[in-house]
Amino acid sequence: MSWLKDALVDIAVTVMIVLAAALDLTWARWMVLIYTPFMLIAKVLFFLGGHSISKMKQKVVAVPAWFYHVLYAVNVTVAAGYAFAGAGAAPQHWWMIAGGWALIWILSIATDVRMRPVTAR
């Protein structure tokens, strides 16, 4: 469980999304609206940068992939659920947040697939 400290930022973002949705905190929603595009851009650049993926293969990632999938699923579910409910201020922002985290999740899966070693047939 020592890998939890490596995932601290991701855990904090998920907590922020849940708090922003549950308590309808405007400042928290804006923090999520600012962070989500930066994370999406980082995932796109990492996915497109083939040389960085080959370098990443050399490093051992301490955080299990399933943990990130759980966090991303929570992010998408909370944001989409809040947008669908239409409660609170600016439900269109929650659709953008849900869509952004869905894309982040898809790019993470695609990157994981690209990082797996090719087996001989």
N, C-alpha and C. Protein backbone atom coordinates (compact mmCIF):
# COMPACT_ATOMS: atom_id res chain seq x y z
N MET A 1 0.80 -1.20 0.00
CA MET A 1 0.00 0.00 0.00
C MET A 1 0.85 1.27 0.00
N SER A 2 2.14 1.14 -0.13
CA SER A 2 3.00 2.32 -0.17
C SER A 2 2.80 3.12 -1.46
N TRP A 3 2.15 2.53 -2.44
CA TRP A 3 1.90 3.21 -3.70
C TRP A 3 0.84 4.30 -3.58
N LEU A 4 0.11 4.32 -2.46
CA LEU A 4 -0.93 5.34 -2.29
C LEU A 4 -0.36 6.75 -2.34
N LYS A 5 0.87 6.93 -1.81
CA LYS A 5 1.47 8.27 -1.86
C LYS A 5 1.77 8.70 -3.28
N ASP A 6 2.02 7.74 -4.18
CA ASP A 6 2.25 8.06 -5.60
C ASP A 6 0.97 8.51 -6.30
N ALA A 7 -0.16 8.11 -5.75
CA ALA A 7 -1.45 8.45 -6.36
C ALA A 7 -2.17 9.57 -5.60
N LEU A 8 -1.45 10.26 -4.75
CA LEU A 8 -2.07 11.27 -3.88
C LEU A 8 -2.77 12.38 -4.66
N VAL A 9 -2.17 12.87 -5.73
CA VAL A 9 -2.80 13.95 -6.52
C VAL A 9 -4.09 13.45 -7.15
N ASP A 10 -4.07 12.23 -7.68
CA ASP A 10 -5.27 11.68 -8.31
C ASP A 10 -6.39 11.47 -7.29
N ILE A 11 -6.03 11.02 -6.11
CA ILE A 11 -7.01 10.85 -5.04
C ILE A 11 -7.59 12.21 -4.66
N ALA A 12 -6.73 13.22 -4.54
CA ALA A 12 -7.18 14.57 -4.18
C ALA A 12 -8.14 15.13 -5.24
N VAL A 13 -7.85 14.88 -6.51
CA VAL A 13 -8.73 15.37 -7.58
C VAL A 13 -10.09 14.68 -7.51
N THR A 14 -10.10 13.39 -7.26
CA THR A 14 -11.36 12.67 -7.13
C THR A 14 -12.16 13.20 -5.95
N VAL A 15 -11.50 13.43 -4.83
CA VAL A 15 -12.18 14.01 -3.66
C VAL A 15 -12.72 15.39 -4.00
N MET A 16 -11.96 16.18 -4.74
CA MET A 16 -12.39 17.51 -5.13
C MET A 16 -13.63 17.45 -6.02
N ILE A 17 -13.67 16.50 -6.96
CA ILE A 17 -14.83 16.34 -7.83
C ILE A 17 -16.06 15.96 -7.01
N VAL A 18 -15.88 15.02 -6.11
CA VAL A 18 -17.01 14.59 -5.26
C VAL A 18 -17.50 15.75 -4.39
N LEU A 19 -16.58 16.48 -3.77
CA LEU A 19 -16.97 17.62 -2.93
C LEU A 19 -17.64 18.72 -3.75
N ALA A 20 -17.08 19.00 -4.93
CA ALA A 20 -17.65 20.05 -5.77
C ALA A 20 -19.07 19.69 -6.19
N ALA A 21 -19.31 18.42 -6.47
CA ALA A 21 -20.64 17.99 -6.89
C ALA A 21 -21.59 17.89 -5.70
N ALA A 22 -21.14 17.25 -4.63
CA ALA A 22 -22.02 17.00 -3.49
C ALA A 22 -22.39 18.28 -2.75
N LEU A 23 -21.43 19.19 -2.60
CA LEU A 23 -21.67 20.41 -1.83
C LEU A 23 -21.92 21.63 -2.70
N ASP A 24 -21.87 21.45 -4.03
CA ASP A 24 -22.08 22.54 -4.98
C ASP A 24 -21.17 23.72 -4.68
N LEU A 25 -19.87 23.41 -4.52
CA LEU A 25 -18.88 24.44 -4.23
C LEU A 25 -18.37 25.04 -5.54
N THR A 26 -18.64 26.30 -5.74
CA THR A 26 -18.25 26.97 -6.98
C THR A 26 -16.74 26.97 -7.17
N TRP A 27 -15.99 27.29 -6.13
CA TRP A 27 -14.53 27.35 -6.26
C TRP A 27 -13.95 25.97 -6.57
N ALA A 28 -14.53 24.92 -6.01
CA ALA A 28 -14.04 23.57 -6.29
C ALA A 28 -14.37 23.17 -7.72
N ARG A 29 -15.57 23.55 -8.18
CA ARG A 29 -15.94 23.24 -9.57
C ARG A 29 -14.97 23.92 -10.53
N TRP A 30 -14.60 25.17 -10.25
CA TRP A 30 -13.66 25.87 -11.13
C TRP A 30 -12.27 25.24 -11.07
N MET A 31 -11.87 24.75 -9.92
CA MET A 31 -10.57 24.06 -9.84
C MET A 31 -10.59 22.81 -10.72
N VAL A 32 -11.70 22.08 -10.68
CA VAL A 32 -11.83 20.89 -11.51
C VAL A 32 -11.89 21.26 -12.98
N LEU A 33 -12.60 22.34 -13.30
CA LEU A 33 -12.69 22.80 -14.70
C LEU A 33 -11.34 23.24 -15.24
N ILE A 34 -10.47 23.72 -14.39
CA ILE A 34 -9.13 24.12 -14.83
C ILE A 34 -8.19 22.91 -14.90
N TYR A 35 -8.27 22.00 -13.93
CA TYR A 35 -7.36 20.87 -13.89
C TYR A 35 -7.65 19.84 -14.99
N THR A 36 -8.93 19.60 -15.27
CA THR A 36 -9.31 18.55 -16.22
C THR A 36 -8.69 18.74 -17.61
N PRO A 37 -8.74 19.94 -18.22
CA PRO A 37 -8.11 20.08 -19.54
C PRO A 37 -6.59 19.88 -19.50
N PHE A 38 -5.95 20.33 -18.42
CA PHE A 38 -4.50 20.11 -18.31
C PHE A 38 -4.18 18.62 -18.25
N MET A 39 -4.96 17.88 -17.51
CA MET A 39 -4.76 16.43 -17.42
C MET A 39 -5.03 15.77 -18.77
N LEU A 40 -6.06 16.23 -19.45
CA LEU A 40 -6.39 15.68 -20.77
C LEU A 40 -5.27 15.95 -21.77
N ILE A 41 -4.75 17.16 -21.78
CA ILE A 41 -3.63 17.50 -22.67
C ILE A 41 -2.41 16.64 -22.35
N ALA A 42 -2.13 16.46 -21.07
CA ALA A 42 -0.98 15.64 -20.68
C ALA A 42 -1.16 14.20 -21.15
N LYS A 43 -2.37 13.66 -21.02
CA LYS A 43 -2.62 12.28 -21.47
C LYS A 43 -2.48 12.15 -22.99
N VAL A 44 -2.99 13.14 -23.72
CA VAL A 44 -2.87 13.11 -25.19
C VAL A 44 -1.40 13.17 -25.60
N LEU A 45 -0.65 14.09 -25.00
CA LEU A 45 0.77 14.22 -25.35
C LEU A 45 1.54 12.96 -25.00
N PHE A 46 1.24 12.38 -23.85
CA PHE A 46 1.93 11.15 -23.46
C PHE A 46 1.58 10.00 -24.40
N PHE A 47 0.30 9.92 -24.80
CA PHE A 47 -0.12 8.86 -25.71
C PHE A 47 0.53 9.01 -27.07
N LEU A 48 0.59 10.24 -27.57
CA LEU A 48 1.16 10.48 -28.89
C LEU A 48 2.68 10.41 -28.91
N GLY A 49 3.31 10.62 -27.78
CA GLY A 49 4.77 10.60 -27.72
C GLY A 49 5.29 9.19 -27.56
N GLY A 50 5.54 8.53 -28.65
CA GLY A 50 6.00 7.15 -28.62
C GLY A 50 7.30 6.95 -27.87
N HIS A 51 8.22 7.91 -27.97
CA HIS A 51 9.50 7.77 -27.30
C HIS A 51 9.35 7.82 -25.78
N SER A 52 8.38 8.59 -25.31
CA SER A 52 8.18 8.65 -23.86
C SER A 52 7.56 7.37 -23.34
N ILE A 53 6.75 6.70 -24.16
CA ILE A 53 6.18 5.43 -23.74
C ILE A 53 7.27 4.37 -23.64
N SER A 54 8.21 4.37 -24.60
CA SER A 54 9.28 3.38 -24.52
C SER A 54 10.16 3.63 -23.31
N LYS A 55 10.35 4.91 -22.93
CA LYS A 55 11.11 5.20 -21.71
C LYS A 55 10.33 4.79 -20.48
N MET A 56 9.01 4.93 -20.53
CA MET A 56 8.18 4.57 -19.39
C MET A 56 8.18 3.06 -19.17
N LYS A 57 8.34 2.28 -20.23
CA LYS A 57 8.41 0.84 -20.09
C LYS A 57 9.56 0.42 -19.20
N GLN A 58 10.63 1.22 -19.20
CA GLN A 58 11.80 0.88 -18.41
C GLN A 58 11.58 1.11 -16.92
N LYS A 59 10.66 2.00 -16.58
CA LYS A 59 10.39 2.31 -15.18
C LYS A 59 9.26 1.43 -14.67
N VAL A 60 9.33 1.11 -13.40
CA VAL A 60 8.27 0.34 -12.77
C VAL A 60 7.27 1.32 -12.18
N VAL A 61 6.02 1.17 -12.57
CA VAL A 61 4.97 2.03 -12.04
C VAL A 61 4.43 1.38 -10.78
N ALA A 62 4.52 2.11 -9.68
CA ALA A 62 4.14 1.55 -8.39
C ALA A 62 2.63 1.43 -8.23
N VAL A 63 1.88 2.35 -8.79
CA VAL A 63 0.43 2.35 -8.61
C VAL A 63 -0.19 1.37 -9.60
N PRO A 64 -1.00 0.43 -9.12
CA PRO A 64 -1.64 -0.52 -10.04
C PRO A 64 -2.62 0.19 -10.97
N ALA A 65 -2.70 -0.29 -12.19
CA ALA A 65 -3.57 0.34 -13.19
C ALA A 65 -5.03 0.30 -12.75
N TRP A 66 -5.44 -0.75 -12.08
CA TRP A 66 -6.84 -0.86 -11.66
C TRP A 66 -7.24 0.29 -10.75
N PHE A 67 -6.30 0.80 -9.96
CA PHE A 67 -6.61 1.89 -9.04
C PHE A 67 -6.97 3.16 -9.81
N TYR A 68 -6.20 3.46 -10.85
CA TYR A 68 -6.52 4.61 -11.68
C TYR A 68 -7.86 4.43 -12.39
N HIS A 69 -8.15 3.22 -12.83
CA HIS A 69 -9.43 2.95 -13.48
C HIS A 69 -10.59 3.19 -12.53
N VAL A 70 -10.42 2.81 -11.27
CA VAL A 70 -11.46 3.05 -10.27
C VAL A 70 -11.65 4.56 -10.06
N LEU A 71 -10.54 5.29 -9.91
CA LEU A 71 -10.64 6.74 -9.72
C LEU A 71 -11.31 7.41 -10.91
N TYR A 72 -10.90 7.04 -12.12
CA TYR A 72 -11.48 7.64 -13.32
C TYR A 72 -12.96 7.29 -13.44
N ALA A 73 -13.33 6.07 -13.08
CA ALA A 73 -14.74 5.67 -13.11
C ALA A 73 -15.56 6.50 -12.13
N VAL A 74 -15.02 6.73 -10.95
CA VAL A 74 -15.71 7.58 -9.97
C VAL A 74 -15.86 8.99 -10.51
N ASN A 75 -14.79 9.53 -11.10
CA ASN A 75 -14.84 10.90 -11.64
C ASN A 75 -15.92 11.03 -12.71
N VAL A 76 -15.94 10.09 -13.64
CA VAL A 76 -16.93 10.14 -14.73
C VAL A 76 -18.34 9.95 -14.18
N THR A 77 -18.51 8.99 -13.29
CA THR A 77 -19.84 8.70 -12.74
C THR A 77 -20.40 9.87 -11.94
N VAL A 78 -19.58 10.44 -11.08
CA VAL A 78 -20.04 11.57 -10.26
C VAL A 78 -20.37 12.77 -11.14
N ALA A 79 -19.48 13.11 -12.06
CA ALA A 79 -19.71 14.28 -12.92
C ALA A 79 -20.93 14.07 -13.82
N ALA A 80 -21.05 12.90 -14.43
CA ALA A 80 -22.18 12.64 -15.32
C ALA A 80 -23.48 12.56 -14.52
N GLY A 81 -23.42 11.95 -13.35
CA GLY A 81 -24.61 11.87 -12.51
C GLY A 81 -25.09 13.24 -12.07
N TYR A 82 -24.17 14.08 -11.71
CA TYR A 82 -24.53 15.43 -11.29
C TYR A 82 -25.07 16.24 -12.47
N ALA A 83 -24.48 16.08 -13.64
CA ALA A 83 -24.96 16.78 -14.83
C ALA A 83 -26.35 16.26 -15.23
N PHE A 84 -26.53 14.96 -15.16
CA PHE A 84 -27.81 14.36 -15.53
C PHE A 84 -28.92 14.82 -14.59
N ALA A 85 -28.59 14.93 -13.31
CA ALA A 85 -29.57 15.38 -12.33
C ALA A 85 -29.94 16.84 -12.56
N GLY A 86 -29.02 17.60 -13.17
CA GLY A 86 -29.28 19.00 -13.46
C GLY A 86 -29.35 19.87 -12.22
N ALA A 87 -28.87 19.35 -11.13
CA ALA A 87 -28.92 20.10 -9.87
C ALA A 87 -27.76 21.08 -9.81
N GLY A 88 -27.93 22.08 -8.99
CA GLY A 88 -26.84 23.02 -8.77
C GLY A 88 -26.62 23.95 -9.94
N ALA A 89 -25.54 24.66 -9.85
CA ALA A 89 -25.20 25.65 -10.87
C ALA A 89 -24.45 25.00 -12.02
N ALA A 90 -24.70 25.50 -13.21
CA ALA A 90 -23.94 25.16 -14.41
C ALA A 90 -23.83 23.66 -14.68
N PRO A 91 -24.95 22.95 -14.93
CA PRO A 91 -24.85 21.52 -15.24
C PRO A 91 -24.06 21.24 -16.51
N GLN A 92 -24.00 22.24 -17.44
CA GLN A 92 -23.21 22.02 -18.65
C GLN A 92 -21.74 21.86 -18.32
N HIS A 93 -21.26 22.48 -17.26
CA HIS A 93 -19.87 22.29 -16.83
C HIS A 93 -19.63 20.85 -16.43
N TRP A 94 -20.62 20.25 -15.79
CA TRP A 94 -20.45 18.86 -15.35
C TRP A 94 -20.42 17.90 -16.52
N TRP A 95 -21.13 18.23 -17.61
CA TRP A 95 -21.04 17.39 -18.80
C TRP A 95 -19.63 17.48 -19.40
N MET A 96 -19.06 18.68 -19.40
CA MET A 96 -17.69 18.85 -19.91
C MET A 96 -16.69 18.10 -19.03
N ILE A 97 -16.88 18.16 -17.73
CA ILE A 97 -15.99 17.46 -16.81
C ILE A 97 -16.12 15.95 -17.02
N ALA A 98 -17.35 15.46 -17.12
CA ALA A 98 -17.56 14.02 -17.33
C ALA A 98 -16.93 13.57 -18.65
N GLY A 99 -17.13 14.35 -19.71
CA GLY A 99 -16.55 14.01 -21.01
C GLY A 99 -15.03 14.04 -20.98
N GLY A 100 -14.48 15.04 -20.31
CA GLY A 100 -13.02 15.13 -20.19
C GLY A 100 -12.44 13.93 -19.46
N TRP A 101 -13.06 13.54 -18.35
CA TRP A 101 -12.55 12.39 -17.60
C TRP A 101 -12.79 11.08 -18.32
N ALA A 102 -13.85 11.00 -19.12
CA ALA A 102 -14.05 9.80 -19.94
C ALA A 102 -12.92 9.68 -20.97
N LEU A 103 -12.55 10.81 -21.59
CA LEU A 103 -11.43 10.79 -22.54
C LEU A 103 -10.11 10.47 -21.85
N ILE A 104 -9.90 11.02 -20.67
CA ILE A 104 -8.69 10.70 -19.90
C ILE A 104 -8.64 9.21 -19.61
N TRP A 105 -9.77 8.63 -19.25
CA TRP A 105 -9.85 7.20 -18.95
C TRP A 105 -9.54 6.38 -20.20
N ILE A 106 -10.13 6.74 -21.33
CA ILE A 106 -9.90 6.02 -22.59
C ILE A 106 -8.42 6.10 -22.99
N LEU A 107 -7.84 7.29 -22.88
CA LEU A 107 -6.42 7.45 -23.22
C LEU A 107 -5.53 6.65 -22.27
N SER A 108 -5.91 6.54 -21.02
CA SER A 108 -5.13 5.73 -20.07
C SER A 108 -5.17 4.26 -20.46
N ILE A 109 -6.34 3.80 -20.85
CA ILE A 109 -6.46 2.39 -21.28
C ILE A 109 -5.62 2.17 -22.55
N ALA A 110 -5.72 3.10 -23.50
CA ALA A 110 -4.95 2.96 -24.75
C ALA A 110 -3.45 2.99 -24.48
N THR A 111 -3.02 3.83 -23.56
CA THR A 111 -1.60 3.89 -23.21
C THR A 111 -1.15 2.61 -22.54
N ASP A 112 -1.99 2.07 -21.65
CA ASP A 112 -1.67 0.79 -21.01
C ASP A 112 -1.50 -0.32 -22.04
N VAL A 113 -2.38 -0.33 -23.03
CA VAL A 113 -2.30 -1.35 -24.08
C VAL A 113 -1.02 -1.18 -24.89
N ARG A 114 -0.66 0.06 -25.19
CA ARG A 114 0.58 0.31 -25.95
C ARG A 114 1.83 -0.04 -25.16
N MET A 115 1.75 0.06 -23.84
CA MET A 115 2.92 -0.21 -23.01
C MET A 115 3.16 -1.69 -22.77
N ARG A 116 2.13 -2.51 -22.99
CA ARG A 116 2.30 -3.95 -22.78
C ARG A 116 3.29 -4.51 -23.81
N PRO A 117 4.14 -5.41 -23.35
CA PRO A 117 5.09 -6.01 -24.30
C PRO A 117 4.36 -6.88 -25.33
N VAL A 118 4.86 -6.85 -26.53
CA VAL A 118 4.29 -7.66 -27.60
C VAL A 118 4.78 -9.09 -27.43
N THR A 119 3.87 -10.03 -27.40
CA THR A 119 4.25 -11.43 -27.25
C THR A 119 4.43 -12.07 -28.62
N ALA A 120 5.35 -12.99 -28.70
CA ALA A 120 5.60 -13.69 -29.96
C ALA A 120 4.46 -14.65 -30.23
N ARG A 121 4.11 -14.79 -31.48
CA ARG A 121 2.99 -15.69 -31.85
C ARG A 121 3.50 -16.97 -32.41
